[in-house]
Amino acid sequence: MSASLPVRLCLAFSLAFAAASARASDNQWTSQDYVDLYFRHFNGHVPLPHRREKAQAALFSHLIDPANITRIEGAPISNVEKLRQLRIILAVLGSYRAAYNVAVIVGEPLAEELTEVQAYTLEVAEHVANLVRLSPDDHGSPSAWATLVEGVIESVGDQERYTPVQSAIMADAIARHYPAIAAVLPEDERSRLRKQVLKLSDTSGNADLHEAFMRMKQVVLD
């Protein structure tokens, strides 16, 4: 007996998505690829990419591949167009970050993925900030960027949700990417982030996390 139309359509979609993912694994993603994947997830067609299964792990690695960003930066297009594309990716990553956060809150084992998405989002924000500095007519989105950094700082301090290794990854990401982001933030936003980081204390007893924690503090308080 032949499969019903909904089953056939679901199977066809799954096969098409698998083929598209296989092609994507050989190339850097465009901003449109980010949008397409997110709306496939939003509409319930694909799960949040994760590290627990081979095909999903490959998809997740592509989601946070820095080469996607350097490809755009090296493209023969204007800074305005580069900013447009990177801002789309940054917005999609913000939506993904929220989705992973909700999943973790309800008990899904996705803290590792949430950690990496947060670190990668800071990396993309740094590239956007650098381009904004080259575009005098573009003042960026300082409040949104400060809120992003503030959220990651809070995550570093959440030692119940994240392991010491995960917290150290996020602290190192702040130490690496915050200087470029801070360069386009007004003083009141930088002051808010300094106050936020001063609230944190490392009680893990983990040497690697402590070192990363101190590097983060030094950069934000500088």
N, C-alpha and C. Protein backbone atom coordinates (compact mmCIF):
# COMPACT_ATOMS: atom_id res chain seq x y z
N MET A 1 0.86 -1.20 0.00
CA MET A 1 0.00 0.00 0.00
C MET A 1 0.89 1.24 0.00
N SER A 2 0.59 2.21 -0.87
CA SER A 2 1.44 3.40 -0.96
C SER A 2 1.24 4.29 0.25
N ALA A 3 2.30 5.08 0.55
CA ALA A 3 2.24 6.00 1.69
C ALA A 3 1.25 7.12 1.40
N SER A 4 0.66 7.66 2.48
CA SER A 4 -0.27 8.77 2.33
C SER A 4 0.46 10.00 1.84
N LEU A 5 -0.29 10.98 1.32
CA LEU A 5 0.34 12.21 0.81
C LEU A 5 1.12 12.94 1.89
N PRO A 6 0.59 13.13 3.14
CA PRO A 6 1.38 13.82 4.15
C PRO A 6 2.70 13.10 4.46
N VAL A 7 2.65 11.74 4.49
CA VAL A 7 3.87 10.99 4.76
C VAL A 7 4.87 11.18 3.64
N ARG A 8 4.36 11.10 2.37
CA ARG A 8 5.25 11.27 1.22
C ARG A 8 5.86 12.67 1.22
N LEU A 9 5.05 13.67 1.55
CA LEU A 9 5.56 15.03 1.59
C LEU A 9 6.61 15.19 2.67
N CYS A 10 6.36 14.60 3.85
CA CYS A 10 7.32 14.68 4.95
C CYS A 10 8.62 14.02 4.57
N LEU A 11 8.51 12.82 3.91
CA LEU A 11 9.71 12.11 3.49
C LEU A 11 10.47 12.93 2.45
N ALA A 12 9.74 13.50 1.51
CA ALA A 12 10.40 14.31 0.47
C ALA A 12 11.11 15.50 1.08
N PHE A 13 10.44 16.14 2.05
CA PHE A 13 11.07 17.29 2.71
C PHE A 13 12.35 16.87 3.42
N SER A 14 12.28 15.73 4.14
CA SER A 14 13.44 15.26 4.90
C SER A 14 14.61 14.96 3.97
N LEU A 15 14.29 14.31 2.83
CA LEU A 15 15.35 14.00 1.87
C LEU A 15 15.94 15.27 1.27
N ALA A 16 15.07 16.24 0.97
CA ALA A 16 15.56 17.50 0.40
C ALA A 16 16.42 18.24 1.39
N PHE A 17 16.00 18.24 2.67
CA PHE A 17 16.78 18.93 3.68
C PHE A 17 18.13 18.25 3.89
N ALA A 18 18.12 16.90 3.87
CA ALA A 18 19.38 16.17 4.04
C ALA A 18 20.34 16.49 2.89
N ALA A 19 19.79 16.56 1.66
CA ALA A 19 20.63 16.89 0.51
C ALA A 19 21.18 18.30 0.62
N ALA A 20 20.32 19.24 1.04
CA ALA A 20 20.76 20.63 1.19
C ALA A 20 21.83 20.73 2.26
N SER A 21 21.66 19.98 3.35
CA SER A 21 22.64 20.01 4.43
C SER A 21 23.97 19.44 3.96
N ALA A 22 23.90 18.37 3.14
CA ALA A 22 25.13 17.79 2.62
C ALA A 22 25.86 18.78 1.73
N ARG A 23 25.10 19.51 0.90
CA ARG A 23 25.74 20.52 0.05
C ARG A 23 26.33 21.64 0.90
N ALA A 24 25.58 22.04 1.94
CA ALA A 24 26.04 23.14 2.80
C ALA A 24 27.31 22.78 3.52
N SER A 25 27.51 21.47 3.80
CA SER A 25 28.70 21.06 4.54
C SER A 25 29.97 21.31 3.75
N ASP A 26 29.84 21.46 2.43
CA ASP A 26 31.01 21.69 1.59
C ASP A 26 31.25 23.16 1.29
N ASN A 27 30.40 24.04 1.78
CA ASN A 27 30.50 25.46 1.47
C ASN A 27 30.16 26.28 2.70
N GLN A 28 30.63 27.54 2.69
CA GLN A 28 30.23 28.44 3.77
C GLN A 28 28.78 28.86 3.56
N TRP A 29 28.13 29.11 4.67
CA TRP A 29 26.73 29.52 4.59
C TRP A 29 26.62 31.01 4.28
N THR A 30 25.56 31.35 3.58
CA THR A 30 25.19 32.75 3.37
C THR A 30 24.22 33.16 4.48
N SER A 31 23.92 34.44 4.54
CA SER A 31 22.92 34.90 5.50
C SER A 31 21.57 34.26 5.23
N GLN A 32 21.26 34.00 3.96
CA GLN A 32 19.99 33.36 3.62
C GLN A 32 19.93 31.92 4.12
N ASP A 33 21.08 31.22 4.11
CA ASP A 33 21.11 29.87 4.65
C ASP A 33 20.76 29.87 6.13
N TYR A 34 21.26 30.86 6.87
CA TYR A 34 20.91 30.98 8.29
C TYR A 34 19.41 31.19 8.46
N VAL A 35 18.86 32.08 7.66
CA VAL A 35 17.42 32.36 7.76
C VAL A 35 16.61 31.11 7.42
N ASP A 36 16.99 30.42 6.34
CA ASP A 36 16.24 29.23 5.92
C ASP A 36 16.24 28.16 7.00
N LEU A 37 17.42 27.90 7.59
CA LEU A 37 17.49 26.86 8.61
C LEU A 37 16.67 27.24 9.83
N TYR A 38 16.75 28.51 10.23
CA TYR A 38 16.00 28.90 11.42
C TYR A 38 14.49 28.74 11.20
N PHE A 39 13.99 29.14 10.05
CA PHE A 39 12.55 29.03 9.83
C PHE A 39 12.11 27.57 9.64
N ARG A 40 13.01 26.72 9.17
CA ARG A 40 12.68 25.29 9.16
C ARG A 40 12.51 24.78 10.59
N HIS A 41 13.38 25.26 11.48
CA HIS A 41 13.23 24.89 12.89
C HIS A 41 11.96 25.52 13.48
N PHE A 42 11.77 26.81 13.24
CA PHE A 42 10.64 27.53 13.81
C PHE A 42 9.31 26.90 13.39
N ASN A 43 9.25 26.42 12.16
CA ASN A 43 8.02 25.82 11.65
C ASN A 43 7.90 24.34 12.01
N GLY A 44 8.84 23.83 12.81
CA GLY A 44 8.73 22.47 13.30
C GLY A 44 9.24 21.39 12.39
N HIS A 45 9.98 21.75 11.34
CA HIS A 45 10.46 20.75 10.38
C HIS A 45 11.78 20.10 10.80
N VAL A 46 12.61 20.83 11.53
CA VAL A 46 13.90 20.27 11.96
C VAL A 46 14.13 20.65 13.42
N PRO A 47 14.86 19.81 14.17
CA PRO A 47 15.15 20.13 15.57
C PRO A 47 16.27 21.16 15.67
N LEU A 48 16.49 21.63 16.88
CA LEU A 48 17.68 22.44 17.12
C LEU A 48 18.90 21.58 16.84
N PRO A 49 19.84 22.05 16.02
CA PRO A 49 21.05 21.26 15.77
C PRO A 49 21.78 20.96 17.09
N HIS A 50 22.32 19.75 17.19
CA HIS A 50 22.99 19.36 18.44
C HIS A 50 24.21 18.49 18.13
N ARG A 51 24.97 18.18 19.18
CA ARG A 51 26.22 17.45 19.04
C ARG A 51 26.04 15.94 19.23
N ARG A 52 24.85 15.47 19.54
CA ARG A 52 24.69 14.09 19.98
C ARG A 52 24.55 13.09 18.84
N GLU A 53 24.39 13.55 17.63
CA GLU A 53 24.19 12.65 16.49
C GLU A 53 25.00 13.19 15.31
N LYS A 54 25.59 12.30 14.52
CA LYS A 54 26.60 12.69 13.54
C LYS A 54 26.11 13.76 12.56
N ALA A 55 24.97 13.52 11.93
CA ALA A 55 24.47 14.48 10.93
C ALA A 55 24.14 15.82 11.59
N GLN A 56 23.50 15.77 12.76
CA GLN A 56 23.17 17.00 13.47
C GLN A 56 24.43 17.72 13.93
N ALA A 57 25.44 16.97 14.34
CA ALA A 57 26.69 17.58 14.79
C ALA A 57 27.36 18.34 13.65
N ALA A 58 27.30 17.76 12.44
CA ALA A 58 27.89 18.43 11.28
C ALA A 58 27.12 19.72 10.97
N LEU A 59 25.80 19.67 11.11
CA LEU A 59 24.98 20.85 10.87
C LEU A 59 25.28 21.93 11.91
N PHE A 60 25.40 21.51 13.18
CA PHE A 60 25.70 22.48 14.23
C PHE A 60 27.06 23.12 14.01
N SER A 61 28.06 22.32 13.63
CA SER A 61 29.40 22.87 13.38
C SER A 61 29.35 23.91 12.27
N HIS A 62 28.51 23.68 11.28
CA HIS A 62 28.40 24.65 10.20
C HIS A 62 27.70 25.92 10.67
N LEU A 63 26.76 25.76 11.59
CA LEU A 63 26.03 26.92 12.13
C LEU A 63 26.97 27.90 12.80
N ILE A 64 28.03 27.39 13.44
CA ILE A 64 28.95 28.27 14.19
C ILE A 64 30.33 28.33 13.54
N ASP A 65 30.38 28.12 12.23
CA ASP A 65 31.65 28.13 11.51
C ASP A 65 32.11 29.56 11.25
N PRO A 66 33.27 29.98 11.81
CA PRO A 66 33.76 31.35 11.57
C PRO A 66 34.01 31.65 10.10
N ALA A 67 34.24 30.60 9.29
CA ALA A 67 34.47 30.82 7.86
C ALA A 67 33.26 31.44 7.18
N ASN A 68 32.07 31.24 7.72
CA ASN A 68 30.88 31.88 7.15
C ASN A 68 31.03 33.41 7.21
N ILE A 69 31.65 33.88 8.28
CA ILE A 69 31.80 35.33 8.48
C ILE A 69 32.95 35.87 7.64
N THR A 70 34.08 35.18 7.65
CA THR A 70 35.23 35.66 6.88
C THR A 70 34.93 35.63 5.39
N ARG A 71 34.08 34.72 4.95
CA ARG A 71 33.68 34.69 3.55
C ARG A 71 32.96 35.98 3.17
N ILE A 72 32.06 36.43 4.03
CA ILE A 72 31.34 37.67 3.76
C ILE A 72 32.28 38.86 3.81
N GLU A 73 33.15 38.89 4.80
CA GLU A 73 34.08 40.01 4.93
C GLU A 73 35.03 40.11 3.74
N GLY A 74 35.38 38.96 3.15
CA GLY A 74 36.30 38.97 2.01
C GLY A 74 35.62 39.09 0.66
N ALA A 75 34.30 39.16 0.66
CA ALA A 75 33.57 39.23 -0.61
C ALA A 75 33.74 40.60 -1.26
N PRO A 76 33.71 40.66 -2.58
CA PRO A 76 33.85 41.94 -3.30
C PRO A 76 32.54 42.73 -3.29
N ILE A 77 32.08 43.09 -2.11
CA ILE A 77 30.85 43.85 -1.95
C ILE A 77 31.12 45.02 -1.02
N SER A 78 30.21 45.96 -0.97
CA SER A 78 30.40 47.15 -0.14
C SER A 78 30.30 46.80 1.34
N ASN A 79 30.85 47.69 2.17
CA ASN A 79 30.72 47.52 3.62
C ASN A 79 29.27 47.55 4.06
N VAL A 80 28.47 48.34 3.37
CA VAL A 80 27.05 48.41 3.69
C VAL A 80 26.39 47.04 3.50
N GLU A 81 26.72 46.38 2.39
CA GLU A 81 26.15 45.06 2.13
C GLU A 81 26.71 44.02 3.10
N LYS A 82 27.99 44.12 3.42
CA LYS A 82 28.57 43.20 4.40
C LYS A 82 27.86 43.36 5.75
N LEU A 83 27.63 44.60 6.15
CA LEU A 83 26.92 44.84 7.40
C LEU A 83 25.51 44.27 7.36
N ARG A 84 24.84 44.45 6.25
CA ARG A 84 23.47 43.94 6.13
C ARG A 84 23.45 42.42 6.33
N GLN A 85 24.36 41.72 5.67
CA GLN A 85 24.38 40.27 5.76
C GLN A 85 24.79 39.80 7.15
N LEU A 86 25.79 40.44 7.73
CA LEU A 86 26.24 40.03 9.06
C LEU A 86 25.18 40.32 10.11
N ARG A 87 24.43 41.39 9.93
CA ARG A 87 23.37 41.70 10.89
C ARG A 87 22.23 40.68 10.81
N ILE A 88 21.97 40.18 9.63
CA ILE A 88 20.97 39.13 9.49
C ILE A 88 21.42 37.89 10.27
N ILE A 89 22.67 37.51 10.09
CA ILE A 89 23.21 36.35 10.80
C ILE A 89 23.17 36.59 12.30
N LEU A 90 23.54 37.79 12.73
CA LEU A 90 23.52 38.11 14.16
C LEU A 90 22.10 38.01 14.72
N ALA A 91 21.13 38.47 13.97
CA ALA A 91 19.73 38.40 14.41
C ALA A 91 19.27 36.94 14.51
N VAL A 92 19.62 36.13 13.52
CA VAL A 92 19.24 34.71 13.55
C VAL A 92 19.90 34.02 14.74
N LEU A 93 21.17 34.31 14.98
CA LEU A 93 21.86 33.71 16.12
C LEU A 93 21.20 34.11 17.44
N GLY A 94 20.71 35.36 17.50
CA GLY A 94 19.98 35.78 18.69
C GLY A 94 18.74 34.94 18.92
N SER A 95 18.03 34.62 17.83
CA SER A 95 16.84 33.78 17.94
C SER A 95 17.22 32.36 18.34
N TYR A 96 18.31 31.86 17.77
CA TYR A 96 18.78 30.53 18.15
C TYR A 96 19.20 30.50 19.61
N ARG A 97 19.89 31.54 20.04
CA ARG A 97 20.32 31.59 21.43
C ARG A 97 19.12 31.50 22.37
N ALA A 98 18.07 32.22 22.04
CA ALA A 98 16.85 32.17 22.85
C ALA A 98 16.23 30.77 22.83
N ALA A 99 16.23 30.13 21.66
CA ALA A 99 15.63 28.80 21.54
C ALA A 99 16.42 27.77 22.34
N TYR A 100 17.75 27.82 22.24
CA TYR A 100 18.57 26.90 23.03
C TYR A 100 18.39 27.16 24.53
N ASN A 101 18.28 28.42 24.90
CA ASN A 101 18.11 28.76 26.31
C ASN A 101 16.82 28.16 26.87
N VAL A 102 15.74 28.29 26.11
CA VAL A 102 14.46 27.70 26.55
C VAL A 102 14.60 26.18 26.65
N ALA A 103 15.25 25.58 25.67
CA ALA A 103 15.42 24.12 25.68
C ALA A 103 16.18 23.66 26.92
N VAL A 104 17.23 24.40 27.27
CA VAL A 104 18.01 24.05 28.45
C VAL A 104 17.16 24.22 29.72
N ILE A 105 16.39 25.28 29.78
CA ILE A 105 15.55 25.54 30.95
C ILE A 105 14.57 24.38 31.20
N VAL A 106 14.04 23.81 30.12
CA VAL A 106 13.06 22.72 30.28
C VAL A 106 13.71 21.35 30.38
N GLY A 107 15.05 21.32 30.43
CA GLY A 107 15.74 20.07 30.70
C GLY A 107 16.41 19.38 29.55
N GLU A 108 16.42 19.99 28.36
CA GLU A 108 17.12 19.39 27.23
C GLU A 108 18.63 19.48 27.44
N PRO A 109 19.38 18.43 27.06
CA PRO A 109 20.84 18.44 27.27
C PRO A 109 21.56 19.24 26.19
N LEU A 110 21.34 20.54 26.19
CA LEU A 110 21.88 21.40 25.13
C LEU A 110 22.74 22.54 25.69
N ALA A 111 23.25 22.38 26.91
CA ALA A 111 24.07 23.45 27.49
C ALA A 111 25.35 23.66 26.70
N GLU A 112 25.93 22.57 26.17
CA GLU A 112 27.15 22.70 25.36
C GLU A 112 26.87 23.53 24.12
N GLU A 113 25.78 23.21 23.43
CA GLU A 113 25.43 23.95 22.22
C GLU A 113 25.11 25.41 22.54
N LEU A 114 24.39 25.64 23.62
CA LEU A 114 24.08 27.03 24.02
C LEU A 114 25.36 27.80 24.31
N THR A 115 26.30 27.15 24.96
CA THR A 115 27.60 27.78 25.24
C THR A 115 28.29 28.22 23.95
N GLU A 116 28.35 27.31 22.98
CA GLU A 116 29.06 27.60 21.74
C GLU A 116 28.33 28.65 20.90
N VAL A 117 27.00 28.62 20.92
CA VAL A 117 26.24 29.63 20.19
C VAL A 117 26.49 31.00 20.79
N GLN A 118 26.53 31.10 22.11
CA GLN A 118 26.78 32.39 22.75
C GLN A 118 28.17 32.91 22.41
N ALA A 119 29.17 32.02 22.45
CA ALA A 119 30.53 32.44 22.12
C ALA A 119 30.63 32.90 20.67
N TYR A 120 29.98 32.16 19.77
CA TYR A 120 30.03 32.51 18.35
C TYR A 120 29.28 33.80 18.08
N THR A 121 28.18 34.03 18.77
CA THR A 121 27.42 35.27 18.59
C THR A 121 28.28 36.48 18.95
N LEU A 122 29.07 36.36 20.00
CA LEU A 122 29.99 37.45 20.35
C LEU A 122 31.01 37.67 19.24
N GLU A 123 31.48 36.58 18.63
CA GLU A 123 32.44 36.72 17.54
C GLU A 123 31.84 37.47 16.37
N VAL A 124 30.60 37.13 16.02
CA VAL A 124 29.93 37.83 14.92
C VAL A 124 29.70 39.29 15.29
N ALA A 125 29.33 39.55 16.54
CA ALA A 125 29.11 40.93 16.99
C ALA A 125 30.40 41.74 16.87
N GLU A 126 31.53 41.12 17.14
CA GLU A 126 32.81 41.84 16.97
C GLU A 126 33.01 42.26 15.52
N HIS A 127 32.73 41.35 14.58
CA HIS A 127 32.91 41.69 13.16
C HIS A 127 31.96 42.79 12.73
N VAL A 128 30.73 42.74 13.23
CA VAL A 128 29.77 43.80 12.92
C VAL A 128 30.26 45.13 13.49
N ALA A 129 30.74 45.11 14.72
CA ALA A 129 31.23 46.34 15.35
C ALA A 129 32.40 46.93 14.58
N ASN A 130 33.29 46.08 14.10
CA ASN A 130 34.44 46.57 13.33
C ASN A 130 33.99 47.26 12.05
N LEU A 131 32.97 46.71 11.40
CA LEU A 131 32.47 47.33 10.18
C LEU A 131 31.73 48.62 10.48
N VAL A 132 31.02 48.66 11.60
CA VAL A 132 30.34 49.90 11.99
C VAL A 132 31.34 51.02 12.19
N ARG A 133 32.49 50.71 12.75
CA ARG A 133 33.53 51.73 12.98
C ARG A 133 34.05 52.29 11.65
N LEU A 134 33.92 51.51 10.58
CA LEU A 134 34.35 51.97 9.26
C LEU A 134 33.25 52.70 8.51
N SER A 135 32.06 52.75 9.12
CA SER A 135 30.90 53.37 8.46
C SER A 135 30.39 54.51 9.33
N PRO A 136 30.89 55.72 9.13
CA PRO A 136 30.54 56.84 10.02
C PRO A 136 29.06 57.17 10.08
N ASP A 137 28.30 56.79 9.07
CA ASP A 137 26.86 57.09 9.08
C ASP A 137 26.05 56.00 9.79
N ASP A 138 26.72 54.95 10.22
CA ASP A 138 26.03 53.82 10.86
C ASP A 138 26.44 53.78 12.32
N HIS A 139 25.50 54.03 13.22
CA HIS A 139 25.80 54.09 14.64
C HIS A 139 25.57 52.75 15.34
N GLY A 140 25.18 51.73 14.59
CA GLY A 140 25.04 50.41 15.18
C GLY A 140 23.85 50.28 16.11
N SER A 141 23.90 49.25 16.95
CA SER A 141 22.82 48.98 17.90
C SER A 141 23.43 48.76 19.28
N PRO A 142 23.94 49.84 19.91
CA PRO A 142 24.70 49.67 21.15
C PRO A 142 23.93 49.01 22.27
N SER A 143 22.66 49.33 22.43
CA SER A 143 21.90 48.72 23.52
C SER A 143 21.76 47.22 23.32
N ALA A 144 21.51 46.80 22.08
CA ALA A 144 21.36 45.38 21.79
C ALA A 144 22.67 44.64 22.02
N TRP A 145 23.79 45.25 21.61
CA TRP A 145 25.08 44.59 21.81
C TRP A 145 25.43 44.51 23.29
N ALA A 146 25.15 45.56 24.03
CA ALA A 146 25.42 45.55 25.47
C ALA A 146 24.57 44.49 26.15
N THR A 147 23.32 44.34 25.72
CA THR A 147 22.45 43.33 26.29
C THR A 147 22.97 41.93 25.98
N LEU A 148 23.50 41.73 24.76
CA LEU A 148 24.10 40.45 24.40
C LEU A 148 25.26 40.13 25.32
N VAL A 149 26.18 41.08 25.49
CA VAL A 149 27.34 40.85 26.36
C VAL A 149 26.89 40.60 27.79
N GLU A 150 25.92 41.36 28.26
CA GLU A 150 25.41 41.20 29.61
C GLU A 150 24.85 39.79 29.82
N GLY A 151 24.14 39.28 28.82
CA GLY A 151 23.58 37.94 28.92
C GLY A 151 24.65 36.87 29.03
N VAL A 152 25.74 37.04 28.28
CA VAL A 152 26.83 36.06 28.33
C VAL A 152 27.55 36.16 29.68
N ILE A 153 27.73 37.38 30.18
CA ILE A 153 28.33 37.54 31.51
C ILE A 153 27.49 36.81 32.55
N GLU A 154 26.18 36.96 32.48
CA GLU A 154 25.30 36.25 33.41
C GLU A 154 25.45 34.74 33.27
N SER A 155 25.62 34.27 32.04
CA SER A 155 25.80 32.83 31.82
C SER A 155 27.10 32.34 32.45
N VAL A 156 28.16 33.13 32.34
CA VAL A 156 29.42 32.75 32.97
C VAL A 156 29.23 32.53 34.46
N GLY A 157 28.40 33.35 35.08
CA GLY A 157 28.17 33.25 36.51
C GLY A 157 27.17 32.18 36.91
N ASP A 158 26.50 31.55 35.94
CA ASP A 158 25.48 30.54 36.24
C ASP A 158 26.15 29.17 36.36
N GLN A 159 26.72 28.89 37.51
CA GLN A 159 27.51 27.68 37.68
C GLN A 159 26.64 26.45 37.99
N GLU A 160 25.33 26.63 38.06
CA GLU A 160 24.43 25.49 38.17
C GLU A 160 24.07 24.94 36.79
N ARG A 161 23.94 25.83 35.82
CA ARG A 161 23.54 25.40 34.47
C ARG A 161 24.72 24.96 33.64
N TYR A 162 25.87 25.61 33.82
CA TYR A 162 27.03 25.35 32.96
C TYR A 162 28.16 24.70 33.75
N THR A 163 28.92 23.84 33.07
CA THR A 163 30.10 23.25 33.67
C THR A 163 31.22 24.29 33.71
N PRO A 164 32.27 24.05 34.51
CA PRO A 164 33.40 24.97 34.51
C PRO A 164 34.02 25.16 33.12
N VAL A 165 34.08 24.08 32.35
CA VAL A 165 34.64 24.19 30.99
C VAL A 165 33.78 25.11 30.13
N GLN A 166 32.46 24.95 30.21
CA GLN A 166 31.56 25.79 29.42
C GLN A 166 31.63 27.25 29.86
N SER A 167 31.67 27.48 31.16
CA SER A 167 31.78 28.85 31.67
C SER A 167 33.09 29.48 31.22
N ALA A 168 34.16 28.70 31.19
CA ALA A 168 35.46 29.23 30.75
C ALA A 168 35.44 29.60 29.28
N ILE A 169 34.74 28.80 28.46
CA ILE A 169 34.62 29.11 27.03
C ILE A 169 33.95 30.47 26.84
N MET A 170 32.88 30.71 27.59
CA MET A 170 32.17 31.98 27.45
C MET A 170 32.97 33.15 28.00
N ALA A 171 33.66 32.93 29.12
CA ALA A 171 34.50 34.00 29.68
C ALA A 171 35.62 34.37 28.71
N ASP A 172 36.24 33.36 28.09
CA ASP A 172 37.28 33.63 27.10
C ASP A 172 36.72 34.36 25.89
N ALA A 173 35.50 34.01 25.48
CA ALA A 173 34.89 34.68 24.33
C ALA A 173 34.67 36.16 24.63
N ILE A 174 34.24 36.47 25.84
CA ILE A 174 34.09 37.88 26.22
C ILE A 174 35.43 38.59 26.20
N ALA A 175 36.46 37.94 26.77
CA ALA A 175 37.79 38.55 26.80
C ALA A 175 38.32 38.83 25.40
N ARG A 176 38.02 37.94 24.44
CA ARG A 176 38.51 38.11 23.07
C ARG A 176 37.74 39.16 22.29
N HIS A 177 36.41 39.14 22.41
CA HIS A 177 35.57 39.92 21.51
C HIS A 177 35.05 41.23 22.09
N TYR A 178 35.07 41.37 23.40
CA TYR A 178 34.49 42.57 24.00
C TYR A 178 35.22 43.87 23.61
N PRO A 179 36.56 43.89 23.51
CA PRO A 179 37.20 45.18 23.18
C PRO A 179 36.65 45.82 21.92
N ALA A 180 36.45 45.04 20.87
CA ALA A 180 35.91 45.61 19.62
C ALA A 180 34.47 46.07 19.82
N ILE A 181 33.68 45.31 20.55
CA ILE A 181 32.30 45.69 20.81
C ILE A 181 32.25 46.94 21.67
N ALA A 182 33.10 46.99 22.70
CA ALA A 182 33.11 48.14 23.60
C ALA A 182 33.45 49.43 22.88
N ALA A 183 34.23 49.32 21.80
CA ALA A 183 34.66 50.51 21.06
C ALA A 183 33.49 51.26 20.43
N VAL A 184 32.35 50.57 20.25
CA VAL A 184 31.19 51.24 19.66
C VAL A 184 30.06 51.40 20.67
N LEU A 185 30.35 51.15 21.95
CA LEU A 185 29.35 51.33 22.99
C LEU A 185 29.52 52.68 23.67
N PRO A 186 28.44 53.36 23.98
CA PRO A 186 28.54 54.60 24.77
C PRO A 186 28.97 54.27 26.20
N GLU A 187 29.45 55.28 26.89
CA GLU A 187 29.99 55.07 28.23
C GLU A 187 28.96 54.50 29.20
N ASP A 188 27.71 54.90 29.08
CA ASP A 188 26.72 54.38 30.03
C ASP A 188 26.53 52.88 29.88
N GLU A 189 26.63 52.36 28.65
CA GLU A 189 26.51 50.91 28.45
C GLU A 189 27.75 50.19 28.97
N ARG A 190 28.93 50.75 28.73
CA ARG A 190 30.15 50.13 29.26
C ARG A 190 30.13 50.12 30.78
N SER A 191 29.62 51.20 31.37
CA SER A 191 29.52 51.27 32.82
C SER A 191 28.56 50.21 33.35
N ARG A 192 27.46 50.00 32.64
CA ARG A 192 26.50 48.98 33.06
C ARG A 192 27.14 47.60 33.05
N LEU A 193 27.97 47.33 32.04
CA LEU A 193 28.62 46.02 31.95
C LEU A 193 29.71 45.86 33.00
N ARG A 194 30.38 46.95 33.33
CA ARG A 194 31.38 46.87 34.41
C ARG A 194 30.69 46.51 35.72
N LYS A 195 29.56 47.12 35.99
CA LYS A 195 28.81 46.81 37.22
C LYS A 195 28.35 45.35 37.21
N GLN A 196 27.95 44.87 36.04
CA GLN A 196 27.48 43.50 35.93
C GLN A 196 28.59 42.51 36.25
N VAL A 197 29.78 42.76 35.69
CA VAL A 197 30.87 41.80 35.90
C VAL A 197 31.40 41.86 37.33
N LEU A 198 31.27 43.00 37.97
CA LEU A 198 31.71 43.12 39.36
C LEU A 198 30.82 42.32 40.31
N LYS A 199 29.61 42.01 39.89
CA LYS A 199 28.70 41.23 40.72
C LYS A 199 29.09 39.76 40.79
N LEU A 200 29.89 39.31 39.82
CA LEU A 200 30.21 37.90 39.73
C LEU A 200 31.33 37.50 40.67
N SER A 201 31.27 36.28 41.13
CA SER A 201 32.38 35.71 41.90
C SER A 201 32.51 34.25 41.48
N ASP A 202 33.74 33.79 41.33
CA ASP A 202 34.00 32.42 40.91
C ASP A 202 34.15 31.54 42.14
N THR A 203 33.21 30.65 42.34
CA THR A 203 33.25 29.76 43.50
C THR A 203 33.45 28.30 43.08
N SER A 204 33.86 28.08 41.82
CA SER A 204 33.96 26.72 41.30
C SER A 204 35.17 25.97 41.83
N GLY A 205 36.23 26.70 42.13
CA GLY A 205 37.47 26.03 42.51
C GLY A 205 38.23 25.46 41.33
N ASN A 206 37.78 25.75 40.11
CA ASN A 206 38.41 25.25 38.90
C ASN A 206 39.46 26.25 38.42
N ALA A 207 40.71 25.80 38.27
CA ALA A 207 41.81 26.71 37.94
C ALA A 207 41.63 27.33 36.56
N ASP A 208 41.23 26.52 35.56
CA ASP A 208 41.07 27.05 34.21
C ASP A 208 39.96 28.10 34.15
N LEU A 209 38.85 27.82 34.83
CA LEU A 209 37.76 28.78 34.85
C LEU A 209 38.20 30.05 35.58
N HIS A 210 38.93 29.91 36.66
CA HIS A 210 39.36 31.08 37.40
C HIS A 210 40.23 31.99 36.53
N GLU A 211 41.15 31.39 35.76
CA GLU A 211 42.00 32.20 34.87
C GLU A 211 41.17 32.90 33.81
N ALA A 212 40.23 32.17 33.20
CA ALA A 212 39.37 32.78 32.18
C ALA A 212 38.50 33.87 32.79
N PHE A 213 38.02 33.63 33.98
CA PHE A 213 37.19 34.58 34.71
C PHE A 213 37.94 35.89 34.95
N MET A 214 39.21 35.77 35.37
CA MET A 214 40.02 36.96 35.64
C MET A 214 40.34 37.71 34.35
N ARG A 215 40.57 36.98 33.25
CA ARG A 215 40.82 37.66 31.97
C ARG A 215 39.58 38.43 31.53
N MET A 216 38.42 37.83 31.69
CA MET A 216 37.18 38.50 31.34
C MET A 216 37.00 39.76 32.15
N LYS A 217 37.19 39.66 33.46
CA LYS A 217 37.03 40.83 34.32
C LYS A 217 37.98 41.94 33.93
N GLN A 218 39.22 41.59 33.68
CA GLN A 218 40.22 42.61 33.34
C GLN A 218 39.83 43.37 32.08
N VAL A 219 39.34 42.63 31.08
CA VAL A 219 38.97 43.26 29.80
C VAL A 219 37.75 44.17 29.98
N VAL A 220 36.73 43.70 30.68
CA VAL A 220 35.51 44.48 30.84
C VAL A 220 35.74 45.69 31.73
N LEU A 221 36.57 45.55 32.74
CA LEU A 221 36.81 46.65 33.69
C LEU A 221 37.84 47.65 33.17
N ASP A 222 38.55 47.30 32.13
CA ASP A 222 39.61 48.18 31.61
C ASP A 222 39.02 49.50 31.10
